[in-house]
Amino acid sequence: MKERSIGAMIVLTIITFGLYALIWMILFQIELREKTNQGFGGFMHFIMLFITFGIYGVYWQYAAGKRLAMQGADDNSVLYLILALFGLGWLNMFIMQSQANKLLLTTSA
């Protein structure tokens, strides 16, 4: 997975009016699929988000948490689900990326 700056992610999300969040989600899914061999590829992930009117995005946040936990990160999947259900799912991308950054630090050390 790729290390990304949380501060840069916040700025990019704001100045692109949320478009960066969608791009991040697709790229992160591609990276997760490469690591775990689970879930859709990037294009199908994008299509599923629109076909299900965002419901797949809620499930994906939970499943992504489980996939991160499989790699050694903290299992925050229930937190991701709760935040998504209460309209705070936009925070999950920052928490997930932070977890991925920590994984990169522990594997490179």
C-alpha atoms as a PDB file:
ATOM      1  CA  MET A   1       0.000   0.000   0.000  1.00  0.00           C
ATOM      2  CA  LYS A   2       1.069   3.549  -0.569  1.00  0.00           C
ATOM      3  CA  GLU A   3       1.893   5.976   2.221  1.00  0.00           C
ATOM      4  CA  ARG A   4      -0.106   9.198   2.020  1.00  0.00           C
ATOM      5  CA  SER A   5      -0.051  12.354   4.110  1.00  0.00           C
ATOM      6  CA  ILE A   6      -3.276  12.777   6.087  1.00  0.00           C
ATOM      7  CA  GLY A   7      -2.920  16.572   5.933  1.00  0.00           C
ATOM      8  CA  ALA A   8      -2.576  16.507   2.147  1.00  0.00           C
ATOM      9  CA  MET A   9      -5.606  14.208   1.934  1.00  0.00           C
ATOM     10  CA  ILE A  10      -7.690  16.670   3.949  1.00  0.00           C
ATOM     11  CA  VAL A  11      -6.624  19.608   1.789  1.00  0.00           C
ATOM     12  CA  LEU A  12      -7.209  17.699  -1.467  1.00  0.00           C
ATOM     13  CA  THR A  13     -10.643  16.536  -0.296  1.00  0.00           C
ATOM     14  CA  ILE A  14     -11.654  20.111   0.509  1.00  0.00           C
ATOM     15  CA  ILE A  15     -10.337  21.779  -2.651  1.00  0.00           C
ATOM     16  CA  THR A  16     -11.793  19.082  -4.943  1.00  0.00           C
ATOM     17  CA  PHE A  17     -15.170  19.211  -3.159  1.00  0.00           C
ATOM     18  CA  GLY A  18     -14.924  15.535  -2.215  1.00  0.00           C
ATOM     19  CA  LEU A  19     -13.808  14.166  -5.583  1.00  0.00           C
ATOM     20  CA  TYR A  20     -10.434  13.209  -4.106  1.00  0.00           C
ATOM     21  CA  ALA A  21     -12.258  11.048  -1.518  1.00  0.00           C
ATOM     22  CA  LEU A  22     -13.813   9.001  -4.334  1.00  0.00           C
ATOM     23  CA  ILE A  23     -10.478   8.667  -6.115  1.00  0.00           C
ATOM     24  CA  TRP A  24      -8.777   7.681  -2.860  1.00  0.00           C
ATOM     25  CA  MET A  25     -11.434   5.058  -2.180  1.00  0.00           C
ATOM     26  CA  ILE A  26     -10.886   3.447  -5.585  1.00  0.00           C
ATOM     27  CA  LEU A  27      -7.092   3.535  -5.293  1.00  0.00           C
ATOM     28  CA  PHE A  28      -7.191   2.189  -1.743  1.00  0.00           C
ATOM     29  CA  GLN A  29      -9.465  -0.659  -2.857  1.00  0.00           C
ATOM     30  CA  ILE A  30      -7.019  -1.540  -5.639  1.00  0.00           C
ATOM     31  CA  GLU A  31      -4.185  -1.593  -3.104  1.00  0.00           C
ATOM     32  CA  LEU A  32      -6.215  -3.695  -0.656  1.00  0.00           C
ATOM     33  CA  ARG A  33      -7.094  -6.153  -3.408  1.00  0.00           C
ATOM     34  CA  GLU A  34      -3.425  -6.518  -4.335  1.00  0.00           C
ATOM     35  CA  LYS A  35      -2.551  -7.281  -0.694  1.00  0.00           C
ATOM     36  CA  THR A  36      -5.499  -9.514   0.291  1.00  0.00           C
ATOM     37  CA  ASN A  37      -6.865 -10.772  -3.043  1.00  0.00           C
ATOM     38  CA  GLN A  38     -10.385  -9.957  -1.812  1.00  0.00           C
ATOM     39  CA  GLY A  39     -13.034  -7.605  -3.124  1.00  0.00           C
ATOM     40  CA  PHE A  40     -13.687  -5.978  -6.466  1.00  0.00           C
ATOM     41  CA  GLY A  41     -11.131  -4.373  -8.743  1.00  0.00           C
ATOM     42  CA  GLY A  42     -11.048  -0.603  -9.102  1.00  0.00           C
ATOM     43  CA  PHE A  43     -13.510  -0.220 -11.987  1.00  0.00           C
ATOM     44  CA  MET A  44     -16.104  -2.609 -10.561  1.00  0.00           C
ATOM     45  CA  HIS A  45     -15.719  -0.962  -7.165  1.00  0.00           C
ATOM     46  CA  PHE A  46     -16.559   2.384  -8.789  1.00  0.00           C
ATOM     47  CA  ILE A  47     -19.595   0.906 -10.584  1.00  0.00           C
ATOM     48  CA  MET A  48     -20.894  -0.746  -7.396  1.00  0.00           C
ATOM     49  CA  LEU A  49     -20.788   2.576  -5.564  1.00  0.00           C
ATOM     50  CA  PHE A  50     -23.175   4.072  -8.110  1.00  0.00           C
ATOM     51  CA  ILE A  51     -25.412   1.059  -8.738  1.00  0.00           C
ATOM     52  CA  THR A  52     -26.191   0.717  -5.024  1.00  0.00           C
ATOM     53  CA  PHE A  53     -26.560   4.472  -4.431  1.00  0.00           C
ATOM     54  CA  GLY A  54     -23.724   4.424  -1.893  1.00  0.00           C
ATOM     55  CA  ILE A  55     -24.908   1.460   0.196  1.00  0.00           C
ATOM     56  CA  TYR A  56     -21.951  -0.575  -1.065  1.00  0.00           C
ATOM     57  CA  GLY A  57     -19.681   2.194   0.227  1.00  0.00           C
ATOM     58  CA  VAL A  58     -20.932   1.598   3.780  1.00  0.00           C
ATOM     59  CA  TYR A  59     -20.287  -2.140   3.469  1.00  0.00           C
ATOM     60  CA  TRP A  60     -16.908  -1.495   1.849  1.00  0.00           C
ATOM     61  CA  GLN A  61     -15.742   0.608   4.775  1.00  0.00           C
ATOM     62  CA  TYR A  62     -16.486  -2.276   7.143  1.00  0.00           C
ATOM     63  CA  ALA A  63     -14.875  -4.845   4.829  1.00  0.00           C
ATOM     64  CA  ALA A  64     -11.813  -2.639   4.271  1.00  0.00           C
ATOM     65  CA  GLY A  65     -11.375  -2.496   8.043  1.00  0.00           C
ATOM     66  CA  LYS A  66     -11.397  -6.283   8.163  1.00  0.00           C
ATOM     67  CA  ARG A  67      -8.862  -6.475   5.319  1.00  0.00           C
ATOM     68  CA  LEU A  68      -6.572  -4.012   7.089  1.00  0.00           C
ATOM     69  CA  ALA A  69      -6.860  -6.106  10.261  1.00  0.00           C
ATOM     70  CA  MET A  70      -5.844  -9.202   8.280  1.00  0.00           C
ATOM     71  CA  GLN A  71      -2.592  -7.412   7.503  1.00  0.00           C
ATOM     72  CA  GLY A  72      -1.859  -6.583  11.136  1.00  0.00           C
ATOM     73  CA  ALA A  73      -3.631  -3.254  11.705  1.00  0.00           C
ATOM     74  CA  ASP A  74      -6.112  -2.650  14.505  1.00  0.00           C
ATOM     75  CA  ASP A  75      -9.576  -4.005  13.709  1.00  0.00           C
ATOM     76  CA  ASN A  76     -11.589  -0.789  13.457  1.00  0.00           C
ATOM     77  CA  SER A  77     -14.206  -2.277  11.135  1.00  0.00           C
ATOM     78  CA  VAL A  78     -17.094  -1.752  13.581  1.00  0.00           C
ATOM     79  CA  LEU A  79     -15.985   1.848  14.164  1.00  0.00           C
ATOM     80  CA  TYR A  80     -15.952   2.394  10.385  1.00  0.00           C
ATOM     81  CA  LEU A  81     -19.452   0.946  10.121  1.00  0.00           C
ATOM     82  CA  ILE A  82     -20.835   3.062  12.963  1.00  0.00           C
ATOM     83  CA  LEU A  83     -19.300   6.268  11.588  1.00  0.00           C
ATOM     84  CA  ALA A  84     -20.672   5.475   8.118  1.00  0.00           C
ATOM     85  CA  LEU A  85     -24.171   4.784   9.443  1.00  0.00           C
ATOM     86  CA  PHE A  86     -24.210   8.061  11.379  1.00  0.00           C
ATOM     87  CA  GLY A  87     -23.104  10.161   8.408  1.00  0.00           C
ATOM     88  CA  LEU A  88     -19.482  10.479   9.472  1.00  0.00           C
ATOM     89  CA  GLY A  89     -18.078   7.971   6.992  1.00  0.00           C
ATOM     90  CA  TRP A  90     -15.935  10.688   5.431  1.00  0.00           C
ATOM     91  CA  LEU A  91     -13.678  10.408   8.498  1.00  0.00           C
ATOM     92  CA  ASN A  92     -12.984   6.749   7.774  1.00  0.00           C
ATOM     93  CA  MET A  93     -10.655   7.439   4.875  1.00  0.00           C
ATOM     94  CA  PHE A  94      -8.308   9.315   7.174  1.00  0.00           C
ATOM     95  CA  ILE A  95      -8.391   6.621   9.860  1.00  0.00           C
ATOM     96  CA  MET A  96      -7.879   3.860   7.267  1.00  0.00           C
ATOM     97  CA  GLN A  97      -4.971   5.669   5.665  1.00  0.00           C
ATOM     98  CA  SER A  98      -3.421   6.245   9.084  1.00  0.00           C
ATOM     99  CA  GLN A  99      -3.684   2.499   9.750  1.00  0.00           C
ATOM    100  CA  ALA A 100      -2.123   1.735   6.351  1.00  0.00           C
ATOM    101  CA  ASN A 101       0.712   4.197   7.045  1.00  0.00           C
ATOM    102  CA  LYS A 102       1.375   2.455  10.383  1.00  0.00           C
ATOM    103  CA  LEU A 103       1.453  -0.914   8.622  1.00  0.00           C
ATOM    104  CA  LEU A 104       4.022   0.409   6.188  1.00  0.00           C
ATOM    105  CA  LEU A 105       6.188   1.641   9.054  1.00  0.00           C
ATOM    106  CA  THR A 106       6.087  -1.698  10.876  1.00  0.00           C
ATOM    107  CA  THR A 107       6.843  -3.756   7.754  1.00  0.00           C
ATOM    108  CA  SER A 108       9.745  -1.545   6.684  1.00  0.00           C
ATOM    109  CA  ALA A 109      11.363  -1.550  10.152  1.00  0.00           C
END
